[in-house]
Structure formats: structure tokens, C-alpha cells
Protein backbone atom coordinates (compact mmCIF):
# COMPACT_ATOMS: atom_id res chain seq x y z
CA MET A 1 0.24 -54.00 2.88
CA ARG A 2 1.94 -52.71 5.60
CA ALA A 3 5.22 -52.57 3.72
CA ALA A 4 4.01 -51.12 1.16
CA VAL A 5 2.23 -48.23 3.14
CA LYS A 6 5.30 -48.11 5.50
CA ALA A 7 7.47 -47.15 1.79
CA ARG A 8 5.23 -44.61 1.02
CA LEU A 9 5.31 -42.89 4.51
CA ASP A 10 9.36 -42.88 4.42
CA GLU A 11 9.44 -41.41 1.38
CA PHE A 12 7.39 -38.29 2.73
CA THR A 13 9.18 -38.46 5.58
CA SER A 14 12.36 -38.02 3.35
CA THR A 15 10.97 -35.75 0.94
CA ALA A 16 9.58 -33.24 3.82
CA GLN A 17 13.07 -33.28 5.54
CA ARG A 18 14.79 -32.61 2.27
CA ARG A 19 12.69 -29.60 1.92
CA GLY A 20 13.41 -28.16 5.69
CA VAL A 21 10.22 -29.42 6.84
CA ALA A 22 10.97 -28.61 10.67
CA SER A 23 8.06 -31.13 12.36
CA VAL A 24 6.79 -34.29 10.60
CA GLU A 25 5.04 -37.12 11.84
CA THR A 26 3.39 -40.24 9.82
CA ARG A 27 1.32 -42.77 10.97
CA MET A 28 -0.21 -45.52 9.61
CA LEU A 29 -3.78 -45.91 10.41
CA GLU A 30 -5.97 -49.22 9.54
CA ASP A 31 -9.46 -47.89 9.22
CA ASP A 32 -11.91 -46.04 6.57
CA ALA A 33 -9.75 -43.13 5.00
CA ARG A 34 -12.27 -40.64 5.51
CA PHE A 35 -12.60 -41.46 9.46
CA ALA A 36 -9.18 -41.70 10.00
CA LEU A 37 -8.26 -38.44 8.40
CA LEU A 38 -10.67 -36.81 10.07
CA LEU A 39 -9.72 -38.01 13.30
CA GLU A 40 -6.04 -37.35 12.87
CA SER A 41 -6.67 -34.11 10.83
CA ARG A 42 -7.76 -32.64 14.42
CA TYR A 43 -4.24 -32.26 15.00
CA ALA A 44 -2.75 -31.09 12.19
CA ASP A 45 -2.51 -27.16 10.67
CA LEU A 46 -3.40 -28.49 7.56
CA VAL A 47 -4.99 -31.02 5.79
CA VAL A 48 -3.34 -32.12 2.12
CA VAL A 49 -5.02 -34.49 -0.29
CA SER A 50 -5.17 -35.07 -3.93
CA ARG A 51 -8.37 -35.13 -6.05
CA GLU A 52 -9.62 -39.03 -7.07
CA ALA A 53 -8.00 -38.67 -10.78
CA GLU A 54 -4.85 -39.37 -9.51
CA PRO A 55 -5.33 -42.89 -7.69
CA ILE A 56 -2.51 -44.31 -5.53
CA THR A 57 -2.27 -47.97 -6.01
CA VAL A 58 -0.47 -50.36 -3.44
CA PRO A 59 -0.69 -53.95 -3.53
CA GLY A 60 -3.77 -55.11 -1.47
CA MET A 61 -5.42 -52.32 -0.75
CA PRO A 62 -8.35 -50.75 -2.10
CA VAL A 63 -8.46 -47.03 -4.53
CA GLN A 64 -8.58 -44.13 -2.60
CA ALA A 65 -11.92 -42.94 -0.95
CA ARG A 66 -14.37 -41.29 -3.19
CA ALA A 67 -14.78 -37.76 -2.77
CA LEU A 68 -12.16 -37.68 -0.04
CA PRO A 69 -11.40 -33.91 -0.44
CA GLU A 70 -15.18 -32.74 -0.35
CA TYR A 71 -16.03 -35.23 2.70
CA ILE A 72 -12.67 -33.67 4.62
CA SER A 73 -13.87 -29.86 3.48
CA LEU A 74 -17.40 -30.59 4.89
CA HIS A 75 -16.72 -32.29 7.68
CA GLY A 76 -13.34 -31.44 9.09
CA ALA A 77 -12.38 -28.53 11.33
CA ARG A 78 -9.19 -27.73 9.36
CA PRO A 79 -7.92 -26.10 6.17
CA VAL A 80 -8.06 -28.48 2.92
CA LEU A 81 -5.33 -28.27 0.23
CA VAL A 82 -6.54 -30.27 -2.48
CA VAL A 83 -3.58 -30.68 -5.02
CA PRO A 84 -4.47 -30.98 -8.27
CA PRO A 85 -3.64 -33.96 -10.98
CA GLY A 86 -0.75 -33.60 -12.68
CA TRP A 87 1.09 -31.10 -10.22
CA HIS A 88 4.72 -30.99 -10.30
CA GLU A 89 6.17 -28.91 -7.10
CA GLN A 90 5.12 -25.87 -8.99
CA ALA A 91 5.17 -22.75 -6.86
CA LEU A 92 1.33 -22.04 -5.22
CA TYR A 93 2.27 -19.11 -4.48
CA GLY A 94 2.90 -16.77 -7.12
CA THR A 95 -0.48 -15.48 -7.97
CA VAL A 96 -3.35 -16.28 -5.68
CA VAL A 97 -6.81 -16.10 -6.09
CA VAL A 98 -9.37 -15.77 -2.98
CA GLY A 99 -12.77 -15.83 -3.23
CA TRP A 100 -14.66 -13.43 -1.08
CA ASP A 101 -18.22 -13.32 -0.24
CA GLY A 102 -18.30 -11.99 3.66
CA SER A 103 -19.17 -15.41 4.51
CA MET A 104 -17.51 -16.93 7.78
CA GLN A 105 -16.35 -20.40 5.23
CA ALA A 106 -14.49 -17.75 3.20
CA LEU A 107 -13.24 -15.69 6.38
CA ARG A 108 -12.16 -19.22 7.65
CA ALA A 109 -10.13 -20.01 4.18
CA ILE A 110 -8.64 -16.49 3.99
CA SER A 111 -7.38 -16.88 7.65
CA ALA A 112 -6.08 -20.44 7.34
CA ALA A 113 -4.13 -19.08 4.09
CA LEU A 114 -2.95 -16.29 5.55
CA PRO A 115 0.79 -17.42 5.59
CA LEU A 116 0.58 -18.63 2.06
CA LEU A 117 -1.08 -14.95 1.31
CA GLN A 118 1.72 -13.08 2.53
CA VAL A 119 4.59 -14.77 0.78
CA ALA A 120 2.47 -14.62 -2.77
CA ASP A 121 3.87 -12.24 -5.56
CA ALA A 122 0.20 -11.20 -5.94
CA VAL A 123 -3.53 -12.11 -4.24
CA LYS A 124 -6.58 -11.65 -6.43
CA LEU A 125 -9.08 -10.94 -4.00
CA VAL A 126 -12.39 -11.69 -5.97
CA LEU A 127 -15.95 -10.78 -5.49
CA ILE A 128 -18.58 -12.64 -7.76
CA ASN A 129 -21.53 -10.46 -8.28
CA PRO A 130 -21.32 -7.77 -5.51
CA GLU A 131 -24.67 -6.62 -5.62
CA ALA A 132 -26.44 -9.69 -4.70
CA ILE A 133 -24.87 -9.90 -1.45
CA ALA A 134 -24.21 -6.10 -0.68
CA ASP A 135 -25.18 -6.92 2.88
CA MET A 136 -22.32 -9.27 3.41
CA HIS A 137 -19.82 -6.51 3.17
CA GLY A 138 -18.95 -3.08 3.68
CA GLU A 139 -19.99 0.08 1.52
CA GLU A 140 -17.40 -0.38 -1.26
CA PRO A 141 -17.29 -4.09 -2.26
CA SER A 142 -14.09 -6.04 -0.90
CA ALA A 143 -12.26 -3.13 0.24
CA ASP A 144 -12.61 -3.50 4.09
CA MET A 145 -11.16 -6.95 3.68
CA ALA A 146 -8.53 -5.96 0.89
CA LEU A 147 -7.58 -3.37 3.60
CA HIS A 148 -7.01 -6.32 6.31
CA LEU A 149 -5.02 -8.58 4.30
CA ALA A 150 -2.96 -5.42 3.16
CA ARG A 151 -2.33 -4.50 7.11
CA HIS A 152 -0.37 -8.33 7.07
CA GLY A 153 1.69 -7.38 4.35
CA VAL A 154 -0.40 -9.12 1.93
CA LYS A 155 0.15 -7.32 -2.20
CA VAL A 156 -3.87 -7.72 -2.58
CA GLU A 157 -5.49 -6.25 -5.61
CA VAL A 158 -9.42 -6.48 -5.41
CA VAL A 159 -11.27 -8.17 -8.59
CA LEU A 160 -15.08 -7.63 -9.11
CA GLU A 161 -16.59 -10.32 -11.23
CA GLN A 162 -20.00 -10.46 -13.21
CA ALA A 163 -21.30 -13.99 -13.82
CA ARG A 164 -24.08 -15.87 -14.69
CA GLY A 165 -23.64 -19.45 -13.46
CA ALA A 166 -22.14 -20.52 -10.55
CA ALA A 167 -19.68 -18.86 -8.32
CA GLY A 168 -17.01 -21.73 -7.91
CA ASP A 169 -16.92 -21.42 -11.99
CA ALA A 170 -16.46 -18.12 -12.06
CA LEU A 171 -12.98 -18.05 -9.55
CA MET A 172 -11.92 -21.20 -11.31
CA SER A 173 -11.88 -18.89 -14.90
CA VAL A 174 -10.57 -15.69 -12.51
CA ALA A 175 -7.78 -18.34 -11.39
CA ARG A 176 -7.13 -19.44 -14.88
CA ARG A 177 -7.25 -16.28 -16.50
CA HIS A 178 -3.99 -14.97 -13.85
CA GLY A 179 -2.16 -17.80 -13.87
CA ALA A 180 -2.88 -18.70 -10.14
CA GLY A 181 -1.16 -21.52 -8.71
CA LEU A 182 -3.36 -21.29 -5.26
CA LEU A 183 -7.22 -20.76 -5.49
CA VAL A 184 -8.58 -19.93 -1.59
CA ALA A 185 -12.27 -20.04 -0.83
CA GLY A 186 -14.42 -21.40 1.56
CA ALA A 187 -16.04 -25.08 1.50
CA PHE A 188 -19.54 -24.57 1.33
CA GLY A 189 -21.66 -21.38 1.39
CA HIS A 190 -25.62 -21.88 1.65
CA SER A 191 -26.20 -25.33 2.21
CA ARG A 192 -23.67 -28.39 1.87
């Protein structure tokens, strides 16, 4: 089992170095994936995890922890990048959809994603049902955040969206409509 894990870590290191990543460190931890990743994430800028639909089979190892991205997002202190099933190294930063509702969670997500937003071809700053959260932003919905992003060199456009369902579903719809390679949003709003 350790040899199989070491081979995957070596593969990761090799790929990262080929892509010009300046600093790469790997660690093999013999603990529950959720707790080990939470501990190690304290010392990283970004946590990258895959969704459950892509189980990684390693002989002698149990299938990955259930709901790992959600667990790390809700219990960790670092931003989480969730890689969807079937992703094959497409560009993340062509068009980016950013969910904005004035919350601390959304603000933290935007701040963490700023380096990616700065290199994106286009950023759609999306506010779902702006009249429902009028007290969370200034006089003109999303205008202040759009100005903030523009000051940082982000090519931003405000999109006001009306939706009957959940905000997350509406954001996914906007992302699909614009062919976004990345969706940036806070991990939770009112309750976990």
C-alpha cells in the first residue's frame, strides 16, 4: 500500500515540476483522509481535491472518504478547488463565474481566487435575486465588488440573475451558459 501511494506522490511531483510549479512537497500520512487533509491544509495556499465520482483505487486502501470536498470546505481554513470528474487539463481561467451575495464566505472565496481572476479572459460577477439581499451590498447590486475587482486588473462584467430555486443551482446554470471553466463561490451561507 505504501509503495502504491509513493508511486502516486512521485507522479504528482513529476507532473508539477514539468508544469513549472516552483515549490512542491508531498507527504504520506497514515490517518483518516479528512483529518489528515485538514491538518496539512493549514500550511498550504490551496487544497485541491477530486469529486467522489472519480474513486482512486489503490490496492489495500479503502475507497476515498465520502464527501471529502464538502468536509474540507466546511471545516478547513483554506480555499478548496474541486476538480470535477472527467476533467482533462482544460483551462480553468477562460471564463470564470463568481457568485457574489455580500457574505463573508463569498468575499473570502473571491479573495482566494484573485490570482486566477486576474488571468481570466472574462469574469462574470453573478448576483442571484439581488432584491432579496439588498442590505448586503451598496446602492447598485455588485457595483462595488465589480469596481474592487477592476482595480485589481480583473475583466469583470456584472450579471444579475433571477431564480426560483437554490442559488447554487442558479450559479451552475450561469456557469454552463457562459462555458465557464471555473466557478468561485462561498462554501456555505446561512447554516452549514
